[in-house]
Amino acid sequence: MPEFDVIIVGGGPIGIACGLEAQKKGLSYVIIEKGPIVNSLFNYPINMQFFSSSEKLEIDGIPFISKEAKPKRNEALEYYRRIVTSNDLRIQLFETVEKVTKYEGLFQVMTSKTTYQSQNVVVATGFYDLPNLIQVPGEDLPKVSHYYKDPHFYASQKLAVIGASNSAVDAALECWRKGSEVTMIVREPEIGQRVKYWVRPDIINRINEGSIAAYFNSNVTEIKDTEIVIDTPDGALTIENDFVLALTGYMPNFEFLENMGITFSDDEKRLPTYDPETMETNVEGLYLAGVICGGMETHKWFIENSRVHAPIIVEAIKKKASENVKI
């Protein structure tokens, strides 16, 4: 059974940062990623542009050069891929962690391919894999997606976009510009304040001029094969519809964390228990890194403010190992 000083679950930017730090500090490690390198970023929309500037997406002080101040998805993929390959990071791709258990001070990490063993585990899995479902009849129809990739697919179609976050606004604008008839259904009274500042005026203007229809303070109550039903302040409304993009956000895999023994706050935020000084959870030797630390507050942690988790965690592991040797 392969054994390491630390096993890192998740090969996104923060998982990669943890691997780099472990490698620099002489720890044996392996990064386990269920998809390609930076799987979540790979699944972002084709034309997505980051809110953060390139220097704020840098890890380990490695320069990130982009054509514009705010890089696009393809540039980020190139940057993180080159870091992995040029530093010869040990990363197992397309391998899913299925279970993590602890026995006599050692973690057993069972994956779709093998089992690993380690005294320390870092969970850096993000939250992009589980969408927040809207829980209405018809949500499971083939025409409904919780992920948006390419506007070309929706050209000349009647498209409903549910939500008003960055992803929803980007999808609505891009698809409208490719010839979709776009309708936005927004639970709030306005477009979200966290929408990228250079994009928000664009969507507001398109709505005001009537190019994109929008129903505020509204919810989809049913999705049918060729229609959707909307509950609006003026009553129920049924409109023709070909496709639905339910871009209502995502959440961490709480079940996966709970099965490892991690506890959470009792409120709707579901904040995981960890020491901010070390990032160690209530389970000794089990650490959290990146956006997963925010529970349901998925807007709290980003690459730019959680990349510091890597040196914090590795330093904590090294310190604990040193103290054990002294004892």
Protein backbone atom coordinates (compact mmCIF):
# COMPACT_ATOMS: atom_id res chain seq x y z
CA MET A 1 0.00 0.00 0.00
CA PRO A 2 1.59 3.34 -1.04
CA GLU A 3 2.30 5.52 2.01
CA PHE A 4 2.96 9.28 2.08
CA ASP A 5 3.50 12.04 4.61
CA VAL A 6 0.45 13.79 3.22
CA ILE A 7 -2.30 12.96 0.75
CA ILE A 8 -3.98 15.90 -1.00
CA VAL A 9 -7.54 15.33 -2.22
CA GLY A 10 -8.27 17.66 -5.13
CA GLY A 11 -6.02 18.83 -7.95
CA GLY A 12 -7.30 22.38 -8.32
CA PRO A 13 -5.13 25.49 -7.83
CA ILE A 14 -5.09 25.14 -4.02
CA GLY A 15 -4.43 21.41 -4.13
CA ILE A 16 -1.54 22.10 -6.52
CA ALA A 17 -0.27 24.82 -4.16
CA CYS A 18 -0.31 22.29 -1.31
CA GLY A 19 1.64 19.83 -3.43
CA LEU A 20 4.24 22.46 -4.32
CA GLU A 21 4.67 23.40 -0.68
CA ALA A 22 4.98 19.78 0.43
CA GLN A 23 7.56 19.15 -2.28
CA LYS A 24 9.60 22.20 -1.25
CA LYS A 25 9.58 21.16 2.41
CA GLY A 26 10.67 17.59 1.72
CA LEU A 27 7.38 15.85 2.49
CA SER A 28 6.33 12.81 0.48
CA TYR A 29 2.92 13.50 -1.01
CA VAL A 30 0.43 12.65 -3.71
CA ILE A 31 -2.38 14.77 -5.18
CA ILE A 32 -5.48 12.79 -6.15
CA GLU A 33 -7.82 14.39 -8.70
CA LYS A 34 -10.96 12.77 -10.11
CA GLY A 35 -10.65 14.57 -13.45
CA PRO A 36 -7.98 16.43 -15.41
CA ILE A 37 -5.62 18.99 -13.90
CA VAL A 38 -7.71 21.78 -12.31
CA ASN A 39 -10.88 19.90 -13.15
CA SER A 40 -13.26 22.62 -11.94
CA LEU A 41 -11.57 25.30 -14.05
CA PHE A 42 -11.66 22.96 -17.03
CA ASN A 43 -15.44 22.75 -16.63
CA TYR A 44 -15.89 26.53 -16.50
CA PRO A 45 -17.53 28.21 -19.51
CA ILE A 46 -15.32 28.30 -22.59
CA ASN A 47 -15.07 32.11 -22.69
CA MET A 48 -15.05 32.81 -18.96
CA GLN A 49 -12.97 35.71 -17.67
CA PHE A 50 -11.90 35.74 -14.04
CA PHE A 51 -12.94 38.47 -11.63
CA SER A 52 -9.42 38.43 -10.15
CA SER A 53 -6.34 39.78 -11.88
CA SER A 54 -3.64 37.31 -12.91
CA GLU A 55 -1.25 38.12 -10.07
CA LYS A 56 -3.95 37.26 -7.54
CA LEU A 57 -4.31 33.81 -9.11
CA GLU A 58 -0.60 33.07 -8.82
CA ILE A 59 0.56 30.28 -6.52
CA ASP A 60 3.97 29.83 -4.94
CA GLY A 61 5.11 33.18 -6.37
CA ILE A 62 5.20 31.78 -9.92
CA PRO A 63 4.32 34.64 -12.33
CA PHE A 64 1.04 34.36 -14.23
CA ILE A 65 1.23 36.37 -17.44
CA SER A 66 -2.04 37.04 -19.29
CA LYS A 67 -3.01 39.17 -22.28
CA GLU A 68 -5.37 41.27 -20.18
CA ALA A 69 -5.26 42.18 -16.50
CA LYS A 70 -8.00 39.64 -15.81
CA PRO A 71 -7.15 36.30 -17.42
CA LYS A 72 -9.49 33.95 -19.20
CA ARG A 73 -10.14 30.27 -18.63
CA ASN A 74 -7.74 29.00 -21.31
CA GLU A 75 -4.89 31.09 -19.87
CA ALA A 76 -5.54 29.74 -16.38
CA LEU A 77 -5.55 26.16 -17.66
CA GLU A 78 -2.19 26.79 -19.36
CA TYR A 79 -0.74 28.38 -16.21
CA TYR A 80 -1.69 25.65 -13.76
CA ARG A 81 -0.91 22.83 -16.20
CA ARG A 82 2.60 24.21 -16.75
CA ILE A 83 3.15 24.43 -13.00
CA VAL A 84 2.24 20.76 -12.59
CA THR A 85 4.37 19.53 -15.48
CA SER A 86 7.41 21.78 -15.03
CA ASN A 87 7.64 20.96 -11.32
CA ASP A 88 6.99 17.26 -11.92
CA LEU A 89 4.30 17.22 -9.25
CA ARG A 90 3.06 13.80 -8.20
CA ILE A 91 -0.59 13.87 -9.20
CA GLN A 92 -2.96 11.00 -9.91
CA LEU A 93 -5.55 12.13 -12.46
CA PHE A 94 -8.95 10.61 -13.24
CA GLU A 95 -8.88 8.84 -9.91
CA THR A 96 -11.77 9.39 -7.49
CA VAL A 97 -11.40 9.32 -3.72
CA GLU A 98 -14.28 7.19 -2.51
CA LYS A 99 -13.62 6.88 1.22
CA VAL A 100 -11.25 8.18 3.88
CA THR A 101 -11.00 6.34 7.20
CA LYS A 102 -8.61 6.55 10.11
CA TYR A 103 -7.27 3.61 12.05
CA GLU A 104 -4.53 3.66 14.71
CA GLY A 105 -3.35 7.14 13.71
CA LEU A 106 -3.15 6.47 9.97
CA PHE A 107 -5.57 7.49 7.24
CA GLN A 108 -6.64 4.95 4.64
CA VAL A 109 -7.60 6.76 1.45
CA MET A 110 -9.54 4.44 -0.83
CA THR A 111 -9.90 5.51 -4.44
CA SER A 112 -11.40 4.12 -7.62
CA LYS A 113 -8.00 2.56 -8.41
CA THR A 114 -6.16 1.72 -5.18
CA THR A 115 -5.71 2.52 -1.48
CA TYR A 116 -3.17 4.94 -0.03
CA GLN A 117 -1.99 5.46 3.53
CA SER A 118 -0.87 8.63 5.29
CA GLN A 119 -0.65 10.37 8.67
CA ASN A 120 -2.08 13.54 7.13
CA VAL A 121 -4.81 14.32 4.60
CA VAL A 122 -5.59 17.69 3.02
CA VAL A 123 -9.05 18.12 1.50
CA ALA A 124 -9.05 20.76 -1.25
CA THR A 125 -12.07 19.64 -3.26
CA GLY A 126 -13.87 22.95 -3.76
CA PHE A 127 -17.63 23.03 -4.29
CA TYR A 128 -18.28 23.00 -8.05
CA ASP A 129 -19.46 19.39 -8.32
CA LEU A 130 -22.82 19.62 -6.55
CA PRO A 131 -25.33 22.19 -7.87
CA ASN A 132 -27.96 23.79 -5.67
CA LEU A 133 -31.12 22.21 -7.05
CA ILE A 134 -34.24 24.34 -7.39
CA GLN A 135 -36.42 21.37 -6.43
CA VAL A 136 -39.23 21.79 -8.95
CA PRO A 137 -41.05 19.29 -11.21
CA GLY A 138 -39.19 18.84 -14.48
CA GLU A 139 -35.75 19.75 -13.18
CA ASP A 140 -34.53 16.33 -14.30
CA LEU A 141 -35.57 16.86 -17.92
CA PRO A 142 -32.75 16.61 -20.51
CA LYS A 143 -33.29 20.25 -21.48
CA VAL A 144 -32.17 21.42 -18.01
CA SER A 145 -28.52 21.95 -17.10
CA HIS A 146 -26.82 23.32 -14.00
CA TYR A 147 -23.62 23.96 -15.94
CA TYR A 148 -23.00 26.32 -18.85
CA LYS A 149 -20.24 25.71 -21.37
CA ASP A 150 -20.68 27.26 -24.82
CA PRO A 151 -23.26 29.77 -26.16
CA HIS A 152 -23.29 28.25 -29.65
CA PHE A 153 -25.40 25.35 -28.38
CA TYR A 154 -28.29 27.69 -27.55
CA ALA A 155 -28.31 29.74 -30.75
CA SER A 156 -31.85 30.34 -32.12
CA GLN A 157 -33.40 28.73 -29.04
CA LYS A 158 -35.68 30.01 -26.31
CA LEU A 159 -33.41 29.90 -23.28
CA ALA A 160 -34.36 30.46 -19.64
CA VAL A 161 -31.52 31.40 -17.30
CA ILE A 162 -32.32 30.97 -13.60
CA GLY A 163 -30.20 33.10 -11.28
CA ALA A 164 -28.41 36.43 -11.32
CA SER A 165 -24.86 35.64 -10.24
CA ASN A 166 -21.75 36.00 -12.40
CA SER A 167 -22.29 32.67 -14.12
CA ALA A 168 -25.95 33.40 -14.90
CA VAL A 169 -25.24 36.89 -16.21
CA ASP A 170 -22.32 35.72 -18.37
CA ALA A 171 -24.48 32.94 -19.85
CA ALA A 172 -27.40 35.27 -20.54
CA LEU A 173 -25.26 37.85 -22.32
CA GLU A 174 -23.17 35.39 -24.33
CA CYS A 175 -26.17 33.34 -25.46
CA TRP A 176 -28.15 36.45 -26.39
CA ARG A 177 -25.22 37.66 -28.49
CA LYS A 178 -25.17 34.29 -30.28
CA GLY A 179 -28.85 34.57 -31.18
CA SER A 180 -30.71 33.03 -28.24
CA GLU A 181 -34.02 34.40 -27.04
CA VAL A 182 -33.06 34.79 -23.40
CA THR A 183 -35.32 35.09 -20.38
CA MET A 184 -33.84 35.52 -16.90
CA ILE A 185 -35.73 34.42 -13.80
CA VAL A 186 -34.30 36.09 -10.71
CA ARG A 187 -35.36 35.41 -7.13
CA GLU A 188 -33.95 38.74 -5.93
CA PRO A 189 -35.25 42.23 -6.84
CA GLU A 190 -32.20 43.05 -8.97
CA ILE A 191 -29.07 41.68 -10.62
CA GLY A 192 -26.62 40.53 -7.93
CA GLN A 193 -24.26 43.13 -6.52
CA ARG A 194 -21.35 40.65 -6.72
CA VAL A 195 -21.59 40.46 -10.50
CA LYS A 196 -18.37 41.61 -12.19
CA TYR A 197 -18.40 45.41 -12.23
CA TRP A 198 -17.67 45.64 -15.96
CA VAL A 199 -20.47 43.18 -16.79
CA ARG A 200 -23.28 44.32 -14.50
CA PRO A 201 -24.07 47.53 -16.44
CA ASP A 202 -24.18 45.50 -19.66
CA ILE A 203 -26.85 43.10 -18.44
CA ILE A 204 -28.88 45.89 -16.84
CA ASN A 205 -28.86 47.83 -20.12
CA ARG A 206 -29.87 44.76 -22.14
CA ILE A 207 -32.78 44.17 -19.77
CA ASN A 208 -33.85 47.81 -19.77
CA GLU A 209 -33.87 47.99 -23.57
CA GLY A 210 -35.88 44.74 -23.80
CA SER A 211 -33.22 42.65 -25.54
CA ILE A 212 -33.20 40.21 -22.63
CA ALA A 213 -36.43 39.55 -20.73
CA ALA A 214 -36.17 39.41 -16.94
CA TYR A 215 -38.59 38.53 -14.16
CA PHE A 216 -37.45 39.72 -10.74
CA ASN A 217 -38.77 38.56 -7.37
CA SER A 218 -39.77 35.46 -9.30
CA ASN A 219 -39.24 31.70 -9.21
CA VAL A 220 -39.66 28.83 -11.66
CA THR A 221 -42.31 26.48 -10.27
CA GLU A 222 -42.41 23.87 -13.05
CA ILE A 223 -40.40 22.91 -16.12
CA LYS A 224 -42.20 21.22 -18.99
CA ASP A 225 -41.04 19.83 -22.32
CA THR A 226 -41.79 23.02 -24.25
CA GLU A 227 -42.67 25.51 -21.50
CA ILE A 228 -41.74 26.76 -18.06
CA VAL A 229 -44.07 28.09 -15.37
CA ILE A 230 -42.93 31.16 -13.41
CA ASP A 231 -44.33 32.54 -10.18
CA THR A 232 -44.07 36.34 -10.55
CA PRO A 233 -45.31 39.24 -8.39
CA ASP A 234 -48.14 39.56 -10.92
CA GLY A 235 -49.12 35.90 -10.69
CA ALA A 236 -48.29 32.66 -12.50
CA LEU A 237 -46.90 32.95 -16.02
CA THR A 238 -46.23 30.23 -18.61
CA ILE A 239 -43.76 30.92 -21.41
CA GLU A 240 -42.41 28.86 -24.29
CA ASN A 241 -39.03 27.33 -23.65
CA ASP A 242 -36.46 25.08 -25.31
CA PHE A 243 -33.65 24.97 -22.72
CA VAL A 244 -33.09 25.90 -19.09
CA LEU A 245 -29.81 26.89 -17.46
CA ALA A 246 -30.37 26.67 -13.71
CA LEU A 247 -27.27 28.54 -12.56
CA THR A 248 -28.20 28.81 -8.90
CA GLY A 249 -24.82 28.05 -7.38
CA TYR A 250 -23.06 25.01 -5.99
CA MET A 251 -22.17 23.53 -2.62
CA PRO A 252 -19.48 21.33 -1.05
CA ASN A 253 -19.92 17.59 -0.72
CA PHE A 254 -20.96 17.66 2.93
CA GLU A 255 -21.59 13.93 3.04
CA PHE A 256 -17.99 13.24 2.02
CA LEU A 257 -16.71 15.51 4.79
CA GLU A 258 -19.11 14.14 7.40
CA ASN A 259 -18.06 10.57 6.64
CA MET A 260 -14.51 11.58 7.56
CA GLY A 261 -15.74 12.82 10.94
CA ILE A 262 -15.66 16.58 10.29
CA THR A 263 -18.25 18.56 12.24
CA PHE A 264 -20.11 21.71 11.13
CA SER A 265 -21.85 24.74 12.54
CA ASP A 266 -25.54 24.23 13.25
CA ASP A 267 -26.76 27.16 11.14
CA GLU A 268 -27.48 27.40 7.42
CA LYS A 269 -23.87 28.35 6.71
CA ARG A 270 -22.68 24.83 7.62
CA LEU A 271 -19.16 26.04 8.33
CA PRO A 272 -16.75 23.13 8.83
CA THR A 273 -14.78 22.96 12.07
CA TYR A 274 -11.10 23.86 11.67
CA ASP A 275 -8.36 25.85 13.38
CA PRO A 276 -7.55 28.92 11.24
CA GLU A 277 -4.00 28.90 12.63
CA THR A 278 -3.27 25.46 11.17
CA MET A 279 -6.31 24.61 8.98
CA GLU A 280 -6.61 21.33 10.93
CA THR A 281 -10.16 20.09 11.46
CA ASN A 282 -11.62 18.47 14.56
CA VAL A 283 -10.11 15.23 13.18
CA GLU A 284 -6.41 15.19 14.01
CA GLY A 285 -4.25 15.12 10.89
CA LEU A 286 -7.12 16.11 8.60
CA TYR A 287 -6.84 19.58 7.06
CA LEU A 288 -9.03 21.77 4.84
CA ALA A 289 -7.77 24.11 2.13
CA GLY A 290 -9.43 26.49 -0.28
CA VAL A 291 -13.06 27.36 -0.87
CA ILE A 292 -14.38 24.30 0.93
CA CYS A 293 -13.56 26.08 4.22
CA GLY A 294 -16.55 28.38 3.68
CA GLY A 295 -19.28 25.75 3.81
CA MET A 296 -22.37 27.21 2.14
CA GLU A 297 -20.68 30.61 2.03
CA THR A 298 -19.17 29.76 -1.33
CA HIS A 299 -18.38 33.44 -1.99
CA LYS A 300 -16.07 33.70 1.03
CA TRP A 301 -12.95 31.94 -0.21
CA PHE A 302 -11.26 32.28 -3.60
CA ILE A 303 -7.89 31.33 -5.06
CA GLU A 304 -6.48 34.73 -4.15
CA ASN A 305 -7.26 34.56 -0.42
CA SER A 306 -6.95 30.81 0.17
CA ARG A 307 -3.62 30.14 -1.56
CA VAL A 308 -2.03 30.95 1.83
CA HIS A 309 -3.56 27.76 3.19
CA ALA A 310 -0.82 25.68 1.55
CA PRO A 311 2.15 27.02 3.56
CA ILE A 312 0.04 27.16 6.73
CA ILE A 313 -0.88 23.47 6.45
CA VAL A 314 2.57 22.21 5.50
CA GLU A 315 4.16 24.22 8.30
CA ALA A 316 1.67 22.72 10.77
CA ILE A 317 2.45 19.19 9.55
CA LYS A 318 6.20 19.78 9.76
CA LYS A 319 5.90 21.26 13.25
CA LYS A 320 3.82 18.35 14.50
CA ALA A 321 6.28 15.83 13.01
CA SER A 322 9.19 17.65 14.68
CA GLU A 323 7.46 17.61 18.07
CA ASN A 324 6.73 13.90 17.76
CA VAL A 325 10.39 13.19 17.01
CA LYS A 326 11.44 15.12 20.12
CA ILE A 327 9.05 13.13 22.24
